[in-house]
N, C-alpha and C. Protein backbone atom coordinates (compact mmCIF):
# COMPACT_ATOMS: atom_id res chain seq x y z
N MET A 1 -20.67 4.62 13.47
CA MET A 1 -20.56 5.42 12.25
C MET A 1 -19.16 6.04 12.17
N SER A 2 -18.64 6.13 10.97
CA SER A 2 -17.30 6.68 10.77
C SER A 2 -17.25 8.14 11.18
N THR A 3 -16.10 8.55 11.70
CA THR A 3 -15.91 9.96 12.06
C THR A 3 -15.32 10.76 10.90
N ASN A 4 -14.98 10.11 9.79
CA ASN A 4 -14.40 10.84 8.66
C ASN A 4 -15.50 11.55 7.87
N SER A 5 -15.16 12.72 7.32
CA SER A 5 -16.10 13.48 6.51
C SER A 5 -15.47 13.74 5.17
N ILE A 6 -15.53 12.76 4.29
CA ILE A 6 -14.84 12.86 3.00
C ILE A 6 -15.62 13.75 2.05
N CYS A 7 -16.91 13.55 1.94
CA CYS A 7 -17.68 14.23 0.91
C CYS A 7 -17.92 15.71 1.22
N ASN A 8 -18.18 16.05 2.49
CA ASN A 8 -18.52 17.43 2.78
C ASN A 8 -17.33 18.30 3.14
N GLY A 9 -16.14 17.70 3.26
CA GLY A 9 -14.94 18.48 3.49
C GLY A 9 -14.88 19.19 4.83
N ILE A 10 -15.53 18.64 5.85
CA ILE A 10 -15.54 19.25 7.17
C ILE A 10 -14.46 18.59 8.03
N ILE A 11 -13.46 19.37 8.47
CA ILE A 11 -12.44 18.80 9.34
C ILE A 11 -13.00 18.65 10.76
N LYS A 12 -12.46 17.67 11.49
CA LYS A 12 -12.96 17.39 12.84
C LYS A 12 -11.86 17.42 13.88
N ALA A 13 -10.66 17.81 13.49
CA ALA A 13 -9.55 17.95 14.43
C ALA A 13 -8.47 18.80 13.78
N GLY A 14 -7.63 19.38 14.62
CA GLY A 14 -6.53 20.18 14.12
C GLY A 14 -5.24 19.37 14.09
N ILE A 15 -4.13 20.05 13.90
CA ILE A 15 -2.82 19.42 13.92
C ILE A 15 -2.10 19.94 15.16
N PRO A 16 -2.05 19.15 16.23
CA PRO A 16 -1.43 19.62 17.46
C PRO A 16 0.08 19.70 17.34
N LYS A 17 0.71 20.33 18.32
CA LYS A 17 2.15 20.39 18.36
C LYS A 17 2.71 18.98 18.38
N GLY A 18 3.80 18.75 17.66
CA GLY A 18 4.36 17.42 17.53
C GLY A 18 4.82 16.83 18.86
N ASP A 19 4.74 15.52 18.93
CA ASP A 19 5.22 14.79 20.11
C ASP A 19 6.69 14.46 19.90
N CYS A 20 7.56 15.01 20.74
CA CYS A 20 9.00 14.82 20.55
C CYS A 20 9.44 13.37 20.73
N SER A 21 8.60 12.55 21.34
CA SER A 21 8.94 11.14 21.49
C SER A 21 8.60 10.35 20.22
N ASN A 22 7.89 11.01 19.29
CA ASN A 22 7.50 10.37 18.04
C ASN A 22 8.15 11.14 16.89
N LEU A 23 9.44 10.89 16.67
CA LEU A 23 10.18 11.63 15.66
C LEU A 23 9.78 11.18 14.26
N PRO A 24 9.66 12.13 13.33
CA PRO A 24 9.29 11.76 11.95
C PRO A 24 10.40 10.98 11.26
N ALA A 25 10.01 10.17 10.31
CA ALA A 25 10.96 9.38 9.53
C ALA A 25 10.45 9.27 8.10
N LYS A 26 11.37 9.23 7.16
CA LYS A 26 11.00 9.13 5.75
C LYS A 26 10.93 7.67 5.30
N GLY A 27 10.06 7.41 4.36
CA GLY A 27 10.11 6.17 3.60
C GLY A 27 9.38 4.98 4.18
N TYR A 28 9.70 3.83 3.57
CA TYR A 28 9.05 2.56 3.86
C TYR A 28 10.07 1.52 4.30
N GLU A 29 9.57 0.52 5.01
CA GLU A 29 10.38 -0.65 5.30
C GLU A 29 10.58 -1.45 4.01
N ARG A 30 11.50 -2.40 4.04
CA ARG A 30 11.90 -3.10 2.80
C ARG A 30 10.90 -4.16 2.32
N LEU A 31 10.01 -4.59 3.19
CA LEU A 31 9.06 -5.65 2.81
C LEU A 31 7.66 -5.08 2.65
N ALA A 32 7.04 -5.37 1.52
CA ALA A 32 5.63 -5.05 1.28
C ALA A 32 4.93 -6.31 0.77
N ILE A 33 3.63 -6.21 0.61
CA ILE A 33 2.84 -7.33 0.11
C ILE A 33 2.06 -6.85 -1.11
N LEU A 34 2.06 -7.66 -2.17
CA LEU A 34 1.23 -7.38 -3.34
C LEU A 34 0.20 -8.50 -3.47
N ILE A 35 -1.06 -8.10 -3.61
CA ILE A 35 -2.18 -9.05 -3.66
C ILE A 35 -2.91 -8.88 -4.98
N ASN A 36 -3.26 -9.99 -5.62
CA ASN A 36 -4.17 -9.92 -6.75
C ASN A 36 -5.51 -9.42 -6.23
N ARG A 37 -6.01 -8.32 -6.77
CA ARG A 37 -7.23 -7.72 -6.22
C ARG A 37 -8.40 -8.69 -6.26
N GLU A 38 -8.44 -9.52 -7.27
CA GLU A 38 -9.55 -10.46 -7.38
C GLU A 38 -9.50 -11.55 -6.30
N ASP A 39 -8.39 -11.66 -5.60
CA ASP A 39 -8.27 -12.65 -4.52
C ASP A 39 -8.78 -12.14 -3.18
N ILE A 40 -9.12 -10.85 -3.11
CA ILE A 40 -9.66 -10.31 -1.87
C ILE A 40 -11.13 -10.67 -1.74
N ASP A 41 -11.51 -11.16 -0.58
CA ASP A 41 -12.91 -11.48 -0.28
C ASP A 41 -13.52 -10.24 0.36
N PHE A 42 -14.12 -9.40 -0.46
CA PHE A 42 -14.63 -8.13 0.06
C PHE A 42 -15.80 -8.31 1.01
N THR A 43 -16.41 -9.48 1.03
CA THR A 43 -17.45 -9.74 2.02
C THR A 43 -16.86 -9.92 3.41
N ASN A 44 -15.54 -10.16 3.47
CA ASN A 44 -14.85 -10.31 4.74
C ASN A 44 -13.88 -9.17 5.02
N VAL A 45 -14.16 -8.01 4.43
CA VAL A 45 -13.40 -6.80 4.72
C VAL A 45 -14.24 -5.95 5.67
N THR A 46 -13.63 -5.53 6.76
CA THR A 46 -14.35 -4.67 7.70
C THR A 46 -13.55 -3.40 7.97
N MET A 47 -14.29 -2.34 8.25
CA MET A 47 -13.68 -1.05 8.56
C MET A 47 -13.88 -0.75 10.04
N SER A 48 -12.99 0.08 10.57
CA SER A 48 -13.14 0.54 11.94
C SER A 48 -14.47 1.28 12.09
N THR A 49 -15.11 1.09 13.24
CA THR A 49 -16.38 1.78 13.49
C THR A 49 -16.16 3.23 13.93
N THR A 50 -14.92 3.59 14.24
CA THR A 50 -14.64 4.95 14.70
C THR A 50 -13.72 5.73 13.77
N LYS A 51 -13.00 5.03 12.88
CA LYS A 51 -12.06 5.70 11.98
C LYS A 51 -12.31 5.18 10.56
N GLY A 52 -12.78 6.07 9.70
CA GLY A 52 -13.14 5.66 8.35
C GLY A 52 -11.98 5.38 7.43
N ASN A 53 -10.75 5.58 7.91
CA ASN A 53 -9.58 5.30 7.08
C ASN A 53 -8.77 4.13 7.62
N VAL A 54 -9.42 3.25 8.38
CA VAL A 54 -8.74 2.08 8.96
C VAL A 54 -9.51 0.81 8.62
N VAL A 55 -8.81 -0.13 8.00
CA VAL A 55 -9.36 -1.46 7.72
C VAL A 55 -8.99 -2.37 8.89
N THR A 56 -9.98 -3.05 9.45
CA THR A 56 -9.71 -3.92 10.60
C THR A 56 -9.67 -5.40 10.22
N ALA A 57 -10.14 -5.73 9.04
CA ALA A 57 -10.03 -7.11 8.54
C ALA A 57 -9.94 -7.06 7.03
N LEU A 58 -8.98 -7.79 6.46
CA LEU A 58 -8.78 -7.83 5.02
C LEU A 58 -8.67 -9.29 4.60
N GLY A 59 -9.83 -9.90 4.45
CA GLY A 59 -9.86 -11.34 4.16
C GLY A 59 -9.58 -11.66 2.71
N LEU A 60 -8.91 -12.78 2.50
CA LEU A 60 -8.68 -13.29 1.14
C LEU A 60 -9.55 -14.51 0.90
N LYS A 61 -9.79 -14.80 -0.37
CA LYS A 61 -10.56 -15.98 -0.72
C LYS A 61 -9.80 -17.24 -0.34
N THR A 62 -10.51 -18.32 -0.17
CA THR A 62 -9.91 -19.58 0.28
C THR A 62 -8.74 -19.99 -0.61
N GLY A 63 -7.61 -20.28 0.03
CA GLY A 63 -6.43 -20.73 -0.69
C GLY A 63 -5.59 -19.63 -1.29
N LYS A 64 -6.01 -18.38 -1.17
CA LYS A 64 -5.26 -17.27 -1.76
C LYS A 64 -4.36 -16.61 -0.71
N VAL A 65 -3.23 -16.08 -1.16
CA VAL A 65 -2.29 -15.38 -0.28
C VAL A 65 -1.77 -14.15 -1.01
N GLY A 66 -1.17 -13.25 -0.23
CA GLY A 66 -0.43 -12.15 -0.82
C GLY A 66 1.00 -12.58 -1.10
N TYR A 67 1.71 -11.78 -1.86
CA TYR A 67 3.07 -12.14 -2.27
C TYR A 67 4.04 -11.07 -1.78
N GLU A 68 5.12 -11.56 -1.15
CA GLU A 68 6.09 -10.63 -0.58
C GLU A 68 6.86 -9.92 -1.68
N VAL A 69 7.14 -8.65 -1.45
CA VAL A 69 7.94 -7.84 -2.36
C VAL A 69 9.05 -7.21 -1.53
N HIS A 70 10.27 -7.71 -1.68
CA HIS A 70 11.42 -7.18 -0.97
C HIS A 70 12.14 -6.17 -1.86
N GLN A 71 12.56 -5.06 -1.26
CA GLN A 71 13.32 -4.06 -1.96
C GLN A 71 14.67 -3.86 -1.28
N MET A 72 15.68 -3.53 -2.06
CA MET A 72 17.03 -3.34 -1.55
C MET A 72 17.33 -1.84 -1.44
N GLY A 73 18.48 -1.53 -0.85
CA GLY A 73 18.93 -0.15 -0.77
C GLY A 73 18.37 0.59 0.42
N GLY A 74 18.82 1.83 0.58
CA GLY A 74 18.43 2.63 1.73
C GLY A 74 17.10 3.34 1.59
N THR A 75 16.55 3.37 0.37
CA THR A 75 15.27 4.05 0.14
C THR A 75 14.34 3.12 -0.63
N PRO A 76 13.87 2.04 0.01
CA PRO A 76 13.01 1.09 -0.69
C PRO A 76 11.72 1.73 -1.19
N PHE A 77 11.28 1.25 -2.35
CA PHE A 77 10.06 1.76 -3.00
C PHE A 77 10.21 3.24 -3.37
N THR A 78 11.44 3.64 -3.74
CA THR A 78 11.69 5.02 -4.16
C THR A 78 10.76 5.40 -5.30
N GLY A 79 10.15 6.56 -5.19
CA GLY A 79 9.21 7.04 -6.21
C GLY A 79 7.77 6.80 -5.86
N THR A 80 7.52 5.98 -4.86
CA THR A 80 6.15 5.75 -4.40
C THR A 80 5.61 7.05 -3.82
N ASN A 81 4.43 7.47 -4.29
CA ASN A 81 3.91 8.77 -3.87
C ASN A 81 2.41 8.86 -4.09
N ALA A 82 1.87 10.00 -3.73
CA ALA A 82 0.46 10.29 -3.98
C ALA A 82 0.35 11.75 -4.42
N ALA A 83 -0.65 12.03 -5.26
CA ALA A 83 -0.84 13.39 -5.76
C ALA A 83 -2.33 13.67 -5.94
N LEU A 84 -2.66 14.95 -5.89
CA LEU A 84 -4.04 15.37 -6.02
C LEU A 84 -4.54 15.23 -7.45
N GLU A 85 -5.74 14.71 -7.60
CA GLU A 85 -6.48 14.76 -8.87
C GLU A 85 -7.50 15.88 -8.74
N ASP A 86 -7.29 16.95 -9.44
CA ASP A 86 -8.20 18.09 -9.37
C ASP A 86 -9.25 17.95 -10.46
N ASN A 87 -10.19 17.05 -10.23
CA ASN A 87 -11.22 16.77 -11.23
C ASN A 87 -12.27 17.87 -11.25
N THR A 88 -13.12 17.85 -12.26
CA THR A 88 -14.12 18.91 -12.44
C THR A 88 -15.09 18.99 -11.27
N TYR A 89 -15.58 17.83 -10.84
CA TYR A 89 -16.63 17.83 -9.83
C TYR A 89 -16.21 17.26 -8.48
N TYR A 90 -15.11 16.53 -8.44
CA TYR A 90 -14.77 15.83 -7.20
C TYR A 90 -13.28 15.61 -7.16
N LYS A 91 -12.64 16.10 -6.13
CA LYS A 91 -11.19 15.90 -6.01
C LYS A 91 -10.90 14.53 -5.44
N ALA A 92 -9.83 13.92 -5.93
CA ALA A 92 -9.45 12.58 -5.51
C ALA A 92 -7.92 12.50 -5.48
N VAL A 93 -7.41 11.27 -5.31
CA VAL A 93 -5.97 11.07 -5.15
C VAL A 93 -5.47 10.01 -6.11
N THR A 94 -4.36 10.29 -6.76
CA THR A 94 -3.63 9.29 -7.54
C THR A 94 -2.49 8.77 -6.70
N LYS A 95 -2.36 7.44 -6.61
CA LYS A 95 -1.31 6.82 -5.80
C LYS A 95 -0.42 5.96 -6.68
N ASN A 96 0.88 6.11 -6.54
CA ASN A 96 1.85 5.34 -7.31
C ASN A 96 2.70 4.47 -6.40
N LEU A 97 2.85 3.22 -6.78
CA LEU A 97 3.74 2.29 -6.10
C LEU A 97 4.83 1.90 -7.09
N VAL A 98 6.10 2.14 -6.72
CA VAL A 98 7.23 1.85 -7.61
C VAL A 98 8.02 0.68 -7.05
N ILE A 99 8.19 -0.35 -7.88
CA ILE A 99 8.89 -1.57 -7.48
C ILE A 99 10.10 -1.77 -8.38
N ALA A 100 11.25 -2.02 -7.78
CA ALA A 100 12.46 -2.30 -8.54
C ALA A 100 12.75 -3.79 -8.51
N VAL A 101 13.02 -4.35 -9.68
CA VAL A 101 13.54 -5.72 -9.80
C VAL A 101 14.98 -5.58 -10.27
N ILE A 102 15.92 -6.16 -9.55
CA ILE A 102 17.33 -5.85 -9.84
C ILE A 102 18.11 -7.01 -10.45
N ASN A 103 17.40 -8.03 -10.90
CA ASN A 103 18.15 -9.08 -11.60
C ASN A 103 17.31 -9.67 -12.73
N ASN A 104 17.97 -10.37 -13.59
CA ASN A 104 17.32 -11.00 -14.74
C ASN A 104 17.07 -12.47 -14.38
N ASP A 105 15.82 -12.79 -14.08
CA ASP A 105 15.46 -14.14 -13.65
C ASP A 105 14.15 -14.53 -14.32
N ARG A 106 14.16 -15.62 -15.08
CA ARG A 106 12.97 -15.98 -15.86
C ARG A 106 11.77 -16.32 -14.99
N ASP A 107 12.01 -16.84 -13.78
CA ASP A 107 10.88 -17.14 -12.90
C ASP A 107 10.26 -15.86 -12.35
N VAL A 108 11.10 -14.90 -11.99
CA VAL A 108 10.58 -13.62 -11.51
C VAL A 108 9.77 -12.93 -12.61
N TYR A 109 10.28 -12.98 -13.83
CA TYR A 109 9.56 -12.33 -14.92
C TYR A 109 8.30 -13.09 -15.31
N GLY A 110 8.36 -14.40 -15.30
CA GLY A 110 7.18 -15.18 -15.66
C GLY A 110 6.09 -15.16 -14.62
N ASN A 111 6.48 -15.14 -13.35
CA ASN A 111 5.50 -15.26 -12.27
C ASN A 111 5.12 -13.93 -11.63
N PHE A 112 5.94 -12.91 -11.83
CA PHE A 112 5.65 -11.62 -11.19
C PHE A 112 5.53 -10.48 -12.19
N VAL A 113 6.58 -10.23 -12.96
CA VAL A 113 6.60 -9.04 -13.82
C VAL A 113 5.57 -9.14 -14.95
N ASP A 114 5.56 -10.23 -15.70
CA ASP A 114 4.63 -10.33 -16.83
C ASP A 114 3.16 -10.23 -16.40
N PRO A 115 2.75 -10.85 -15.28
CA PRO A 115 1.36 -10.68 -14.84
C PRO A 115 1.01 -9.23 -14.47
N LEU A 116 2.03 -8.41 -14.16
CA LEU A 116 1.74 -7.00 -13.87
C LEU A 116 1.14 -6.29 -15.08
N LEU A 117 1.45 -6.77 -16.28
CA LEU A 117 1.04 -6.07 -17.49
C LEU A 117 -0.47 -5.88 -17.57
N ASN A 118 -1.23 -6.87 -17.17
CA ASN A 118 -2.68 -6.79 -17.31
C ASN A 118 -3.44 -7.08 -16.03
N GLY A 119 -2.73 -7.14 -14.91
CA GLY A 119 -3.38 -7.44 -13.64
C GLY A 119 -3.86 -6.20 -12.91
N GLU A 120 -4.56 -6.46 -11.82
CA GLU A 120 -5.05 -5.40 -10.93
C GLU A 120 -4.73 -5.83 -9.50
N PHE A 121 -4.16 -4.92 -8.72
CA PHE A 121 -3.53 -5.34 -7.48
C PHE A 121 -3.86 -4.39 -6.32
N VAL A 122 -3.61 -4.91 -5.11
CA VAL A 122 -3.65 -4.12 -3.88
C VAL A 122 -2.34 -4.38 -3.15
N ALA A 123 -1.75 -3.34 -2.58
CA ALA A 123 -0.48 -3.47 -1.88
C ALA A 123 -0.63 -3.03 -0.43
N VAL A 124 0.16 -3.64 0.43
CA VAL A 124 0.26 -3.21 1.82
C VAL A 124 1.73 -2.94 2.10
N LEU A 125 2.03 -1.73 2.57
CA LEU A 125 3.39 -1.33 2.89
C LEU A 125 3.47 -0.92 4.36
N GLU A 126 4.68 -1.00 4.92
CA GLU A 126 4.90 -0.55 6.28
C GLU A 126 5.75 0.71 6.25
N ARG A 127 5.22 1.78 6.80
CA ARG A 127 5.95 3.04 6.85
C ARG A 127 7.00 3.03 7.97
N LYS A 128 8.11 3.71 7.73
CA LYS A 128 9.10 3.87 8.79
C LYS A 128 8.58 4.80 9.88
N ASP A 129 7.84 5.82 9.49
CA ASP A 129 7.15 6.68 10.45
C ASP A 129 5.82 5.99 10.78
N LYS A 130 5.76 5.38 11.94
CA LYS A 130 4.60 4.56 12.29
C LYS A 130 3.53 5.33 13.06
N GLY A 131 3.77 6.63 13.27
CA GLY A 131 2.76 7.46 13.89
C GLY A 131 2.64 7.27 15.39
N LYS A 132 1.72 7.99 15.97
CA LYS A 132 1.49 7.94 17.41
C LYS A 132 1.15 6.52 17.85
N ASP A 133 1.84 6.05 18.88
CA ASP A 133 1.65 4.70 19.42
C ASP A 133 1.88 3.62 18.36
N GLN A 134 2.58 3.97 17.27
CA GLN A 134 2.87 3.05 16.16
C GLN A 134 1.60 2.51 15.51
N ALA A 135 0.49 3.23 15.65
CA ALA A 135 -0.80 2.74 15.17
C ALA A 135 -1.05 3.02 13.68
N SER A 136 -0.13 3.78 13.05
CA SER A 136 -0.32 4.13 11.63
C SER A 136 0.77 3.53 10.76
N ALA A 137 1.23 2.34 11.12
CA ALA A 137 2.39 1.75 10.45
C ALA A 137 2.07 1.18 9.08
N PHE A 138 0.92 0.53 8.93
CA PHE A 138 0.64 -0.23 7.72
C PHE A 138 -0.36 0.51 6.82
N GLU A 139 0.05 0.70 5.58
CA GLU A 139 -0.73 1.48 4.62
C GLU A 139 -1.16 0.58 3.46
N ILE A 140 -2.43 0.71 3.08
CA ILE A 140 -2.98 -0.06 1.96
C ILE A 140 -3.08 0.86 0.75
N VAL A 141 -2.60 0.40 -0.40
CA VAL A 141 -2.68 1.17 -1.65
C VAL A 141 -3.39 0.30 -2.69
N GLY A 142 -4.34 0.89 -3.40
CA GLY A 142 -5.05 0.16 -4.43
C GLY A 142 -6.36 -0.45 -3.97
N PHE A 143 -6.73 -0.23 -2.73
CA PHE A 143 -7.93 -0.86 -2.18
C PHE A 143 -9.20 -0.43 -2.91
N HIS A 144 -9.32 0.85 -3.18
CA HIS A 144 -10.58 1.35 -3.73
C HIS A 144 -10.74 1.05 -5.22
N ASN A 145 -9.70 1.27 -6.00
CA ASN A 145 -9.83 1.16 -7.45
C ASN A 145 -8.76 0.28 -8.10
N GLY A 146 -7.92 -0.34 -7.31
CA GLY A 146 -6.91 -1.25 -7.85
C GLY A 146 -5.69 -0.52 -8.40
N LEU A 147 -4.55 -1.19 -8.28
CA LEU A 147 -3.30 -0.72 -8.88
C LEU A 147 -3.10 -1.42 -10.21
N THR A 148 -2.78 -0.65 -11.24
CA THR A 148 -2.46 -1.24 -12.54
C THR A 148 -1.13 -0.66 -13.02
N LEU A 149 -0.47 -1.41 -13.89
CA LEU A 149 0.84 -1.00 -14.37
C LEU A 149 0.71 0.19 -15.32
N THR A 150 1.42 1.27 -15.01
CA THR A 150 1.36 2.47 -15.84
C THR A 150 2.72 2.86 -16.41
N ALA A 151 3.80 2.25 -15.91
CA ALA A 151 5.13 2.55 -16.45
C ALA A 151 6.04 1.34 -16.26
N LEU A 152 6.88 1.12 -17.26
CA LEU A 152 7.84 0.02 -17.25
C LEU A 152 9.14 0.54 -17.83
N ASP A 153 10.23 0.38 -17.09
CA ASP A 153 11.53 0.87 -17.55
C ASP A 153 12.56 -0.23 -17.32
N GLU A 154 12.98 -0.88 -18.40
CA GLU A 154 14.00 -1.93 -18.31
C GLU A 154 15.23 -1.48 -19.07
N ASN A 155 16.34 -1.39 -18.37
CA ASN A 155 17.57 -0.90 -18.96
C ASN A 155 18.71 -1.72 -18.38
N ALA A 156 19.33 -2.54 -19.21
CA ALA A 156 20.38 -3.44 -18.75
C ALA A 156 21.60 -2.71 -18.20
N TYR A 157 21.70 -1.40 -18.47
CA TYR A 157 22.80 -0.60 -17.95
C TYR A 157 22.34 0.38 -16.88
N GLY A 158 21.10 0.22 -16.41
CA GLY A 158 20.56 1.14 -15.42
C GLY A 158 20.91 0.75 -14.00
N ASP A 159 20.41 1.53 -13.06
CA ASP A 159 20.66 1.28 -11.64
C ASP A 159 20.08 -0.04 -11.16
N TYR A 160 19.11 -0.57 -11.90
CA TYR A 160 18.48 -1.84 -11.50
C TYR A 160 19.08 -3.01 -12.26
N TYR A 161 20.27 -2.79 -12.84
CA TYR A 161 21.06 -3.86 -13.44
C TYR A 161 20.25 -4.62 -14.49
N GLY A 162 20.12 -5.93 -14.34
CA GLY A 162 19.43 -6.72 -15.35
C GLY A 162 17.94 -6.74 -15.22
N GLY A 163 17.39 -5.97 -14.26
CA GLY A 163 15.95 -5.97 -14.01
C GLY A 163 15.26 -4.77 -14.60
N GLY A 164 14.38 -4.17 -13.82
CA GLY A 164 13.62 -3.04 -14.32
C GLY A 164 12.91 -2.32 -13.19
N LEU A 165 12.27 -1.22 -13.55
CA LEU A 165 11.52 -0.40 -12.62
C LEU A 165 10.07 -0.37 -13.10
N TYR A 166 9.14 -0.65 -12.18
CA TYR A 166 7.73 -0.84 -12.54
C TYR A 166 6.86 0.04 -11.65
N THR A 167 6.02 0.84 -12.28
CA THR A 167 5.14 1.74 -11.55
C THR A 167 3.70 1.25 -11.67
N LEU A 168 3.08 1.02 -10.52
CA LEU A 168 1.67 0.64 -10.44
C LEU A 168 0.90 1.83 -9.90
N THR A 169 -0.26 2.12 -10.50
CA THR A 169 -0.99 3.34 -10.17
C THR A 169 -2.45 3.04 -9.86
N GLU A 170 -2.93 3.68 -8.80
CA GLU A 170 -4.37 3.72 -8.50
C GLU A 170 -4.84 5.14 -8.75
N THR A 171 -5.91 5.30 -9.49
CA THR A 171 -6.48 6.62 -9.73
C THR A 171 -7.83 6.74 -9.02
N ALA A 172 -8.20 7.99 -8.78
CA ALA A 172 -9.51 8.32 -8.20
C ALA A 172 -9.74 7.71 -6.82
N ALA A 173 -8.66 7.53 -6.06
CA ALA A 173 -8.84 7.08 -4.68
C ALA A 173 -9.55 8.17 -3.89
N PRO A 174 -10.56 7.83 -3.09
CA PRO A 174 -11.36 8.86 -2.43
C PRO A 174 -10.72 9.44 -1.17
N ILE A 175 -9.68 8.78 -0.64
CA ILE A 175 -8.98 9.30 0.53
C ILE A 175 -7.48 9.21 0.31
N SER A 176 -6.72 10.02 1.06
CA SER A 176 -5.29 10.09 0.81
C SER A 176 -4.54 8.89 1.36
N ARG A 177 -4.98 8.35 2.52
CA ARG A 177 -4.32 7.17 3.09
C ARG A 177 -5.34 6.24 3.73
N LEU A 178 -5.07 4.95 3.57
CA LEU A 178 -5.90 3.92 4.18
C LEU A 178 -4.97 3.01 4.97
N TYR A 179 -5.30 2.80 6.23
CA TYR A 179 -4.42 2.05 7.14
C TYR A 179 -4.98 0.66 7.43
N LEU A 180 -4.07 -0.23 7.80
CA LEU A 180 -4.44 -1.60 8.16
C LEU A 180 -4.19 -1.80 9.65
N GLY A 181 -5.27 -2.10 10.38
CA GLY A 181 -5.14 -2.39 11.81
C GLY A 181 -5.29 -1.17 12.68
N GLU A 182 -5.93 -1.34 13.84
CA GLU A 182 -6.15 -0.23 14.76
C GLU A 182 -4.99 -0.01 15.72
N SER A 183 -4.01 -0.92 15.69
CA SER A 183 -2.79 -0.78 16.48
C SER A 183 -1.67 -1.44 15.68
N TYR A 184 -0.42 -1.24 16.15
CA TYR A 184 0.68 -1.90 15.44
C TYR A 184 0.53 -3.41 15.52
N GLU A 185 0.15 -3.90 16.68
CA GLU A 185 0.04 -5.36 16.87
C GLU A 185 -1.02 -5.97 15.97
N THR A 186 -2.18 -5.33 15.89
CA THR A 186 -3.23 -5.90 15.04
C THR A 186 -2.88 -5.74 13.56
N GLY A 187 -2.24 -4.61 13.22
CA GLY A 187 -1.81 -4.42 11.83
C GLY A 187 -0.77 -5.44 11.41
N LYS A 188 0.18 -5.70 12.30
CA LYS A 188 1.22 -6.69 11.99
C LYS A 188 0.63 -8.08 11.85
N ALA A 189 -0.31 -8.43 12.70
CA ALA A 189 -0.96 -9.75 12.60
C ALA A 189 -1.71 -9.88 11.28
N LEU A 190 -2.40 -8.82 10.87
CA LEU A 190 -3.11 -8.85 9.59
C LEU A 190 -2.13 -8.92 8.43
N PHE A 191 -1.04 -8.15 8.52
CA PHE A 191 0.01 -8.17 7.49
C PHE A 191 0.56 -9.58 7.33
N ASP A 192 0.94 -10.19 8.44
CA ASP A 192 1.49 -11.55 8.40
C ASP A 192 0.49 -12.56 7.85
N SER A 193 -0.79 -12.38 8.22
CA SER A 193 -1.80 -13.34 7.77
C SER A 193 -1.99 -13.31 6.26
N LEU A 194 -1.74 -12.16 5.65
CA LEU A 194 -1.86 -12.05 4.20
C LEU A 194 -0.78 -12.87 3.49
N LEU A 195 0.34 -13.13 4.20
CA LEU A 195 1.41 -13.95 3.66
C LEU A 195 1.26 -15.42 4.10
N GLY A 196 0.20 -15.70 4.84
CA GLY A 196 0.01 -17.06 5.33
C GLY A 196 0.82 -17.35 6.57
N ILE A 197 1.31 -16.29 7.27
CA ILE A 197 2.09 -16.45 8.48
C ILE A 197 1.18 -16.24 9.69
N VAL A 198 1.27 -17.09 10.66
CA VAL A 198 0.49 -16.94 11.89
C VAL A 198 1.38 -16.26 12.91
N SER A 199 0.98 -15.03 13.32
CA SER A 199 1.78 -14.28 14.29
C SER A 199 1.64 -14.91 15.68
N GLU A 200 2.74 -14.98 16.41
CA GLU A 200 2.71 -15.52 17.76
C GLU A 200 2.41 -14.44 18.77
């Protein structure tokens, strides 16, 4: 049974003094994965038996893969964040994923940007702060309710040159963070498998 207590709001641990060997870091690594939500085989998704915020298997339907999303610059996925939804009866989390496209390419727009308009997605990102024992490196966004496009900004004279800035949003997420893998090694293997890569 999960040790998380989402509905009753009962905490089960405190915040101990920081480990000086695990220095905090801001932001995300440059590579993430975007998955069509309908391509996830939810019958082959499993959760940790001890941690309710950890996915231990994220299976895709036969022949389906996730798609790599590379970002440039020193602060990849700038603007990606989460915020409280203070609803009438139940508090939840809104999560935003911001993706920059920095060139004008008809294949990128036809195969990636235009499908964002009406699609529903799940993303996996790798945090630079990977947590204790690097076990909190991979974060899943959009798992519960899907990411949909909520903002589009294309400006040929903007910082993204001939491309644009695209914000995907998940609303009413029941938890603030969902992780992939119970260790860095298992998370990385799952991450790679979503791209069709077999980790050695």
